[in-house]
C-alpha atoms as a PDB file:
ATOM      1  CA  MET A   1       0.000   0.000   0.000  1.00  0.00           C
ATOM      2  CA  ALA A   2       1.215   3.524  -0.777  1.00  0.00           C
ATOM      3  CA  SER A   3       2.522   5.629   2.093  1.00  0.00           C
ATOM      4  CA  ARG A   4       0.075   7.901   3.887  1.00  0.00           C
ATOM      5  CA  ARG A   5       0.345  11.627   3.178  1.00  0.00           C
ATOM      6  CA  GLY A   6      -1.038  13.052   6.429  1.00  0.00           C
ATOM      7  CA  LEU A   7      -0.059  12.823  10.107  1.00  0.00           C
ATOM      8  CA  LEU A   8      -2.720  13.740  12.668  1.00  0.00           C
ATOM      9  CA  THR A   9      -1.810  13.620  16.329  1.00  0.00           C
ATOM     10  CA  ASP A  10      -3.131  14.196  19.815  1.00  0.00           C
ATOM     11  CA  TRP A  11      -1.379  16.752  22.059  1.00  0.00           C
ATOM     12  CA  GLY A  12      -1.390  15.776  25.755  1.00  0.00           C
ATOM     13  CA  GLY A  13       0.245  12.399  26.323  1.00  0.00           C
ATOM     14  CA  VAL A  14       1.657  12.189  22.776  1.00  0.00           C
ATOM     15  CA  LEU A  15       3.535  15.448  22.203  1.00  0.00           C
ATOM     16  CA  THR A  16       3.906  15.812  25.971  1.00  0.00           C
ATOM     17  CA  THR A  17       4.904  13.337  28.665  1.00  0.00           C
ATOM     18  CA  ASP A  18       2.254  11.074  30.218  1.00  0.00           C
ATOM     19  CA  LEU A  19      -0.658  13.098  31.619  1.00  0.00           C
ATOM     20  CA  PHE A  20      -1.760  10.308  33.945  1.00  0.00           C
ATOM     21  CA  ALA A  21       1.688  10.365  35.560  1.00  0.00           C
ATOM     22  CA  SER A  22       1.227  14.108  36.077  1.00  0.00           C
ATOM     23  CA  PHE A  23      -2.207  13.515  37.635  1.00  0.00           C
ATOM     24  CA  ALA A  24      -0.679  10.871  39.940  1.00  0.00           C
ATOM     25  CA  SER A  25       2.060  13.311  41.042  1.00  0.00           C
ATOM     26  CA  PHE A  26      -0.613  15.920  41.772  1.00  0.00           C
ATOM     27  CA  CYS A  27      -2.575  13.416  43.860  1.00  0.00           C
ATOM     28  CA  GLU A  28       0.488  12.441  45.888  1.00  0.00           C
ATOM     29  CA  ALA A  29       1.337  16.115  46.512  1.00  0.00           C
ATOM     30  CA  GLU A  30      -2.248  16.717  47.697  1.00  0.00           C
ATOM     31  CA  GLY A  31      -2.307  13.665  49.974  1.00  0.00           C
ATOM     32  CA  LEU A  32      -4.778  11.763  47.769  1.00  0.00           C
ATOM     33  CA  GLU A  33      -4.549   8.208  46.435  1.00  0.00           C
ATOM     34  CA  ALA A  34      -2.323   8.269  43.326  1.00  0.00           C
ATOM     35  CA  ALA A  35      -5.130   7.101  41.010  1.00  0.00           C
ATOM     36  CA  LYS A  36      -7.840   9.406  42.430  1.00  0.00           C
ATOM     37  CA  VAL A  37      -8.094  11.786  39.429  1.00  0.00           C
ATOM     38  CA  ARG A  38      -7.941   8.992  36.863  1.00  0.00           C
ATOM     39  CA  ASP A  39     -10.521   6.922  38.731  1.00  0.00           C
ATOM     40  CA  LEU A  40     -12.934   9.865  39.041  1.00  0.00           C
ATOM     41  CA  PHE A  41     -12.847  10.472  35.281  1.00  0.00           C
ATOM     42  CA  ARG A  42     -13.216   6.767  34.552  1.00  0.00           C
ATOM     43  CA  SER A  43     -15.946   5.767  36.971  1.00  0.00           C
ATOM     44  CA  ASP A  44     -17.677   8.805  38.502  1.00  0.00           C
ATOM     45  CA  GLU A  45     -20.498   9.995  36.255  1.00  0.00           C
ATOM     46  CA  ALA A  46     -20.565  13.564  37.591  1.00  0.00           C
ATOM     47  CA  ALA A  47     -16.781  13.963  37.149  1.00  0.00           C
ATOM     48  CA  ARG A  48     -16.948  12.477  33.666  1.00  0.00           C
ATOM     49  CA  ASP A  49     -19.819  14.770  32.640  1.00  0.00           C
ATOM     50  CA  LEU A  50     -17.907  17.772  33.989  1.00  0.00           C
ATOM     51  CA  LEU A  51     -14.800  16.782  31.986  1.00  0.00           C
ATOM     52  CA  ILE A  52     -16.854  16.397  28.793  1.00  0.00           C
ATOM     53  CA  GLU A  53     -18.466  19.822  29.296  1.00  0.00           C
ATOM     54  CA  PHE A  54     -15.032  21.374  29.931  1.00  0.00           C
ATOM     55  CA  GLU A  55     -13.387  19.710  26.917  1.00  0.00           C
ATOM     56  CA  CYS A  56     -16.261  20.811  24.668  1.00  0.00           C
ATOM     57  CA  GLY A  57     -15.937  24.418  25.852  1.00  0.00           C
ATOM     58  CA  ARG A  58     -19.326  24.527  27.566  1.00  0.00           C
ATOM     59  CA  VAL A  59     -17.782  25.035  31.040  1.00  0.00           C
ATOM     60  CA  ASP A  60     -14.929  27.508  31.526  1.00  0.00           C
ATOM     61  CA  GLU A  61     -11.731  26.819  33.457  1.00  0.00           C
ATOM     62  CA  ARG A  62     -12.799  28.606  36.653  1.00  0.00           C
ATOM     63  CA  GLU A  63     -16.080  26.680  36.794  1.00  0.00           C
ATOM     64  CA  PHE A  64     -14.290  23.377  36.131  1.00  0.00           C
ATOM     65  CA  GLU A  65     -11.753  24.122  38.869  1.00  0.00           C
ATOM     66  CA  ARG A  66     -14.458  25.052  41.376  1.00  0.00           C
ATOM     67  CA  ARG A  67     -16.527  21.925  40.761  1.00  0.00           C
ATOM     68  CA  PHE A  68     -13.676  19.436  40.338  1.00  0.00           C
ATOM     69  CA  ALA A  69     -11.823  20.738  43.416  1.00  0.00           C
ATOM     70  CA  ALA A  70     -14.969  20.044  45.440  1.00  0.00           C
ATOM     71  CA  MET A  71     -15.059  16.451  44.139  1.00  0.00           C
ATOM     72  CA  LEU A  72     -11.394  15.967  45.090  1.00  0.00           C
ATOM     73  CA  GLY A  73     -11.587  17.862  48.382  1.00  0.00           C
ATOM     74  CA  VAL A  74      -8.683  20.179  47.441  1.00  0.00           C
ATOM     75  CA  ASP A  75      -8.130  23.920  46.970  1.00  0.00           C
ATOM     76  CA  GLU A  76      -9.546  25.165  43.655  1.00  0.00           C
ATOM     77  CA  GLU A  77      -6.954  27.914  43.073  1.00  0.00           C
ATOM     78  CA  GLY A  78      -4.810  27.100  40.025  1.00  0.00           C
ATOM     79  CA  LEU A  79      -6.137  23.530  39.959  1.00  0.00           C
ATOM     80  CA  VAL A  80      -5.604  22.929  36.220  1.00  0.00           C
ATOM     81  CA  GLU A  81      -2.023  24.269  36.418  1.00  0.00           C
ATOM     82  CA  ARG A  82      -1.354  21.958  39.359  1.00  0.00           C
ATOM     83  CA  LEU A  83      -2.818  18.948  37.559  1.00  0.00           C
ATOM     84  CA  PHE A  84      -0.521  19.546  34.573  1.00  0.00           C
ATOM     85  CA  ALA A  85       2.580  20.577  36.551  1.00  0.00           C
ATOM     86  CA  GLY A  86       4.207  17.160  36.093  1.00  0.00           C
ATOM     87  CA  SER A  87       3.770  17.214  32.310  1.00  0.00           C
ATOM     88  CA  ALA A  88       6.435  18.466  29.894  1.00  0.00           C
ATOM     89  CA  PRO A  89       6.930  18.634  26.102  1.00  0.00           C
ATOM     90  CA  ASP A  90       8.293  15.440  24.506  1.00  0.00           C
ATOM     91  CA  ALA A  91      11.166  16.790  22.388  1.00  0.00           C
ATOM     92  CA  ARG A  92      11.517  13.600  20.319  1.00  0.00           C
ATOM     93  CA  MET A  93       7.851  13.540  19.321  1.00  0.00           C
ATOM     94  CA  LEU A  94       7.802  17.268  18.568  1.00  0.00           C
ATOM     95  CA  GLY A  95      10.908  16.760  16.429  1.00  0.00           C
ATOM     96  CA  ALA A  96       9.258  13.877  14.580  1.00  0.00           C
ATOM     97  CA  VAL A  97       6.192  15.960  13.679  1.00  0.00           C
ATOM     98  CA  LYS A  98       8.453  18.793  12.473  1.00  0.00           C
ATOM     99  CA  ALA A  99      10.527  16.333  10.417  1.00  0.00           C
ATOM    100  CA  ALA A 100       7.351  14.917   8.866  1.00  0.00           C
ATOM    101  CA  ARG A 101       6.154  18.373   7.872  1.00  0.00           C
ATOM    102  CA  ASP A 102       9.575  19.295   6.491  1.00  0.00           C
ATOM    103  CA  ALA A 103       9.432  16.102   4.384  1.00  0.00           C
ATOM    104  CA  GLY A 104       6.145  17.192   2.786  1.00  0.00           C
ATOM    105  CA  ILE A 105       3.698  15.313   5.034  1.00  0.00           C
ATOM    106  CA  ARG A 106       0.564  17.295   5.906  1.00  0.00           C
ATOM    107  CA  THR A 107       0.440  17.571   9.708  1.00  0.00           C
ATOM    108  CA  GLY A 108      -2.518  18.250  11.972  1.00  0.00           C
ATOM    109  CA  LEU A 109      -3.607  18.318  15.606  1.00  0.00           C
ATOM    110  CA  ILE A 110      -6.800  16.781  17.019  1.00  0.00           C
ATOM    111  CA  SER A 111      -6.899  17.595  20.724  1.00  0.00           C
ATOM    112  CA  ASN A 112      -9.412  17.374  23.563  1.00  0.00           C
ATOM    113  CA  SER A 113      -8.648  20.688  25.249  1.00  0.00           C
ATOM    114  CA  TRP A 114      -8.576  21.815  28.864  1.00  0.00           C
ATOM    115  CA  GLY A 115      -9.149  25.449  27.962  1.00  0.00           C
ATOM    116  CA  VAL A 116      -8.196  26.709  24.504  1.00  0.00           C
ATOM    117  CA  ASP A 117      -5.367  29.048  25.587  1.00  0.00           C
ATOM    118  CA  ARG A 118      -2.960  26.403  26.931  1.00  0.00           C
ATOM    119  CA  TYR A 119      -1.338  25.551  23.596  1.00  0.00           C
ATOM    120  CA  PRO A 120       1.996  27.196  22.662  1.00  0.00           C
ATOM    121  CA  ARG A 121       0.795  29.154  19.624  1.00  0.00           C
ATOM    122  CA  GLN A 122       4.151  29.737  17.941  1.00  0.00           C
ATOM    123  CA  LEU A 123       5.049  26.056  18.224  1.00  0.00           C
ATOM    124  CA  MET A 124       1.636  25.089  16.838  1.00  0.00           C
ATOM    125  CA  ASP A 125       2.251  27.271  13.785  1.00  0.00           C
ATOM    126  CA  GLU A 126       5.641  25.592  13.245  1.00  0.00           C
ATOM    127  CA  LEU A 127       4.271  22.055  13.598  1.00  0.00           C
ATOM    128  CA  PHE A 128       0.830  21.931  12.032  1.00  0.00           C
ATOM    129  CA  ASP A 129      -0.950  22.647   8.755  1.00  0.00           C
ATOM    130  CA  GLY A 130      -4.323  22.269  10.471  1.00  0.00           C
ATOM    131  CA  VAL A 131      -5.576  22.372  14.066  1.00  0.00           C
ATOM    132  CA  VAL A 132      -8.832  21.016  15.531  1.00  0.00           C
ATOM    133  CA  ILE A 133      -9.333  21.758  19.244  1.00  0.00           C
ATOM    134  CA  SER A 134     -12.390  20.345  21.017  1.00  0.00           C
ATOM    135  CA  GLY A 135     -13.123  23.489  23.036  1.00  0.00           C
ATOM    136  CA  VAL A 136     -13.256  25.523  19.811  1.00  0.00           C
ATOM    137  CA  VAL A 137     -15.351  23.141  17.684  1.00  0.00           C
ATOM    138  CA  GLY A 138     -17.625  21.989  20.534  1.00  0.00           C
ATOM    139  CA  ILE A 139     -17.113  18.236  20.069  1.00  0.00           C
ATOM    140  CA  ARG A 140     -14.439  15.920  21.443  1.00  0.00           C
ATOM    141  CA  LYS A 141     -12.784  12.611  20.703  1.00  0.00           C
ATOM    142  CA  PRO A 142     -14.032   9.930  20.276  1.00  0.00           C
ATOM    143  CA  ALA A 143     -16.860  11.592  18.246  1.00  0.00           C
ATOM    144  CA  PRO A 144     -16.220  10.488  14.614  1.00  0.00           C
ATOM    145  CA  GLU A 145     -16.846  14.012  13.286  1.00  0.00           C
ATOM    146  CA  ILE A 146     -13.736  15.437  14.941  1.00  0.00           C
ATOM    147  CA  TYR A 147     -11.447  13.038  13.030  1.00  0.00           C
ATOM    148  CA  ALA A 148     -13.083  13.963   9.726  1.00  0.00           C
ATOM    149  CA  MET A 149     -12.520  17.625  10.655  1.00  0.00           C
ATOM    150  CA  GLY A 150      -8.842  16.859  11.310  1.00  0.00           C
ATOM    151  CA  ALA A 151      -8.385  15.326   7.852  1.00  0.00           C
ATOM    152  CA  GLN A 152     -10.267  18.204   6.256  1.00  0.00           C
ATOM    153  CA  ALA A 153      -8.077  20.734   8.127  1.00  0.00           C
ATOM    154  CA  VAL A 154      -4.983  19.336   6.385  1.00  0.00           C
ATOM    155  CA  GLY A 155      -6.713  19.000   3.010  1.00  0.00           C
ATOM    156  CA  LEU A 156      -6.717  15.205   2.831  1.00  0.00           C
ATOM    157  CA  ALA A 157      -9.196  12.325   2.892  1.00  0.00           C
ATOM    158  CA  PRO A 158      -9.250  10.292   6.135  1.00  0.00           C
ATOM    159  CA  ASP A 159      -7.787   7.232   4.371  1.00  0.00           C
ATOM    160  CA  GLU A 160      -4.692   9.279   3.451  1.00  0.00           C
ATOM    161  CA  CYS A 161      -3.934   9.994   7.129  1.00  0.00           C
ATOM    162  CA  VAL A 162      -2.294   8.377  10.144  1.00  0.00           C
ATOM    163  CA  PHE A 163      -3.688   9.258  13.588  1.00  0.00           C
ATOM    164  CA  VAL A 164      -1.676   8.963  16.829  1.00  0.00           C
ATOM    165  CA  ASP A 165      -3.215   8.951  20.332  1.00  0.00           C
ATOM    166  CA  ASP A 166      -2.202   7.611  23.745  1.00  0.00           C
ATOM    167  CA  LEU A 167      -5.737   6.309  24.494  1.00  0.00           C
ATOM    168  CA  GLY A 168      -6.881   3.224  22.615  1.00  0.00           C
ATOM    169  CA  PHE A 169     -10.572   4.163  22.622  1.00  0.00           C
ATOM    170  CA  ASN A 170      -9.727   7.379  20.748  1.00  0.00           C
ATOM    171  CA  LEU A 171      -8.217   5.357  17.882  1.00  0.00           C
ATOM    172  CA  LYS A 172     -11.226   3.199  17.025  1.00  0.00           C
ATOM    173  CA  PRO A 173     -13.351   5.876  15.253  1.00  0.00           C
ATOM    174  CA  ALA A 174     -10.287   7.072  13.300  1.00  0.00           C
ATOM    175  CA  LYS A 175      -9.667   3.513  12.104  1.00  0.00           C
ATOM    176  CA  GLU A 176     -13.326   3.145  11.102  1.00  0.00           C
ATOM    177  CA  LEU A 177     -12.940   6.261   8.905  1.00  0.00           C
ATOM    178  CA  GLY A 178     -10.025   4.593   7.112  1.00  0.00           C
ATOM    179  CA  MET A 179      -7.111   6.173   8.971  1.00  0.00           C
ATOM    180  CA  ALA A 180      -4.057   4.154   9.945  1.00  0.00           C
ATOM    181  CA  THR A 181      -3.704   4.385  13.737  1.00  0.00           C
ATOM    182  CA  VAL A 182      -0.788   4.295  16.164  1.00  0.00           C
ATOM    183  CA  LEU A 183      -1.242   3.787  19.906  1.00  0.00           C
ATOM    184  CA  HIS A 184       1.462   5.946  21.487  1.00  0.00           C
ATOM    185  CA  THR A 185       3.326   4.472  24.441  1.00  0.00           C
ATOM    186  CA  ASP A 186       6.772   5.987  23.872  1.00  0.00           C
ATOM    187  CA  ALA A 187       8.523   8.098  21.240  1.00  0.00           C
ATOM    188  CA  GLU A 188      10.837   5.352  19.995  1.00  0.00           C
ATOM    189  CA  GLN A 189       8.075   2.872  19.123  1.00  0.00           C
ATOM    190  CA  THR A 190       5.766   5.531  17.686  1.00  0.00           C
ATOM    191  CA  ILE A 191       8.469   7.026  15.448  1.00  0.00           C
ATOM    192  CA  VAL A 192       9.384   3.589  14.017  1.00  0.00           C
ATOM    193  CA  GLN A 193       5.715   2.934  13.168  1.00  0.00           C
ATOM    194  CA  LEU A 194       5.247   6.403  11.660  1.00  0.00           C
ATOM    195  CA  GLU A 195       8.353   6.104   9.473  1.00  0.00           C
ATOM    196  CA  ASP A 196       6.916   2.868   8.089  1.00  0.00           C
ATOM    197  CA  LEU A 197       3.423   4.312   7.480  1.00  0.00           C
ATOM    198  CA  LEU A 198       4.564   7.672   6.083  1.00  0.00           C
ATOM    199  CA  GLY A 199       7.616   6.465   4.172  1.00  0.00           C
ATOM    200  CA  VAL A 200       9.874   9.236   5.521  1.00  0.00           C
ATOM    201  CA  ALA A 201      12.709   9.430   8.079  1.00  0.00           C
ATOM    202  CA  LEU A 202      11.639  11.179  11.296  1.00  0.00           C
ATOM    203  CA  SER A 203      14.520  10.764  13.744  1.00  0.00           C
END
């Protein structure tokens, strides 16, 4: 099969270090069980609904912090910053996206956002031909429409694209649209798979 011409990727947990590790560090610093944040989002309906509303831009950051802090029993001030404090850019993955774009691959972002102002704008302009952020468009992964929007944003059909995410359930709808998918666990493995799918050197 011919190489794919588009690379679509998630932000947090793919182009940054593991967000769940950051959440665990936050919990330990706050005297909570390490998995408390993750478990709330996975199994508490009210927390999950709040996250969905926040990621779709229907609840602002202050409101999210107020309500989620109450669920955790912690101070609400700067809660989102504290949750993400243990997360950092992944230089190898950022370099791979830049290398792909430099090699003529169309590059795009599909991200479930925690507020729309947390992305480094200059870096985004350097990395991506198209950007789809959930809080701007009002829908979030894994809604199939957001993947179609990602392909459209880079001017390609879904079956010309590869999509990378760190959460398996976010890959399924992309695959059903015809995208090749890569489950990101670490930069080394992801880059090897992307070089194969895109037919270009990325490291």
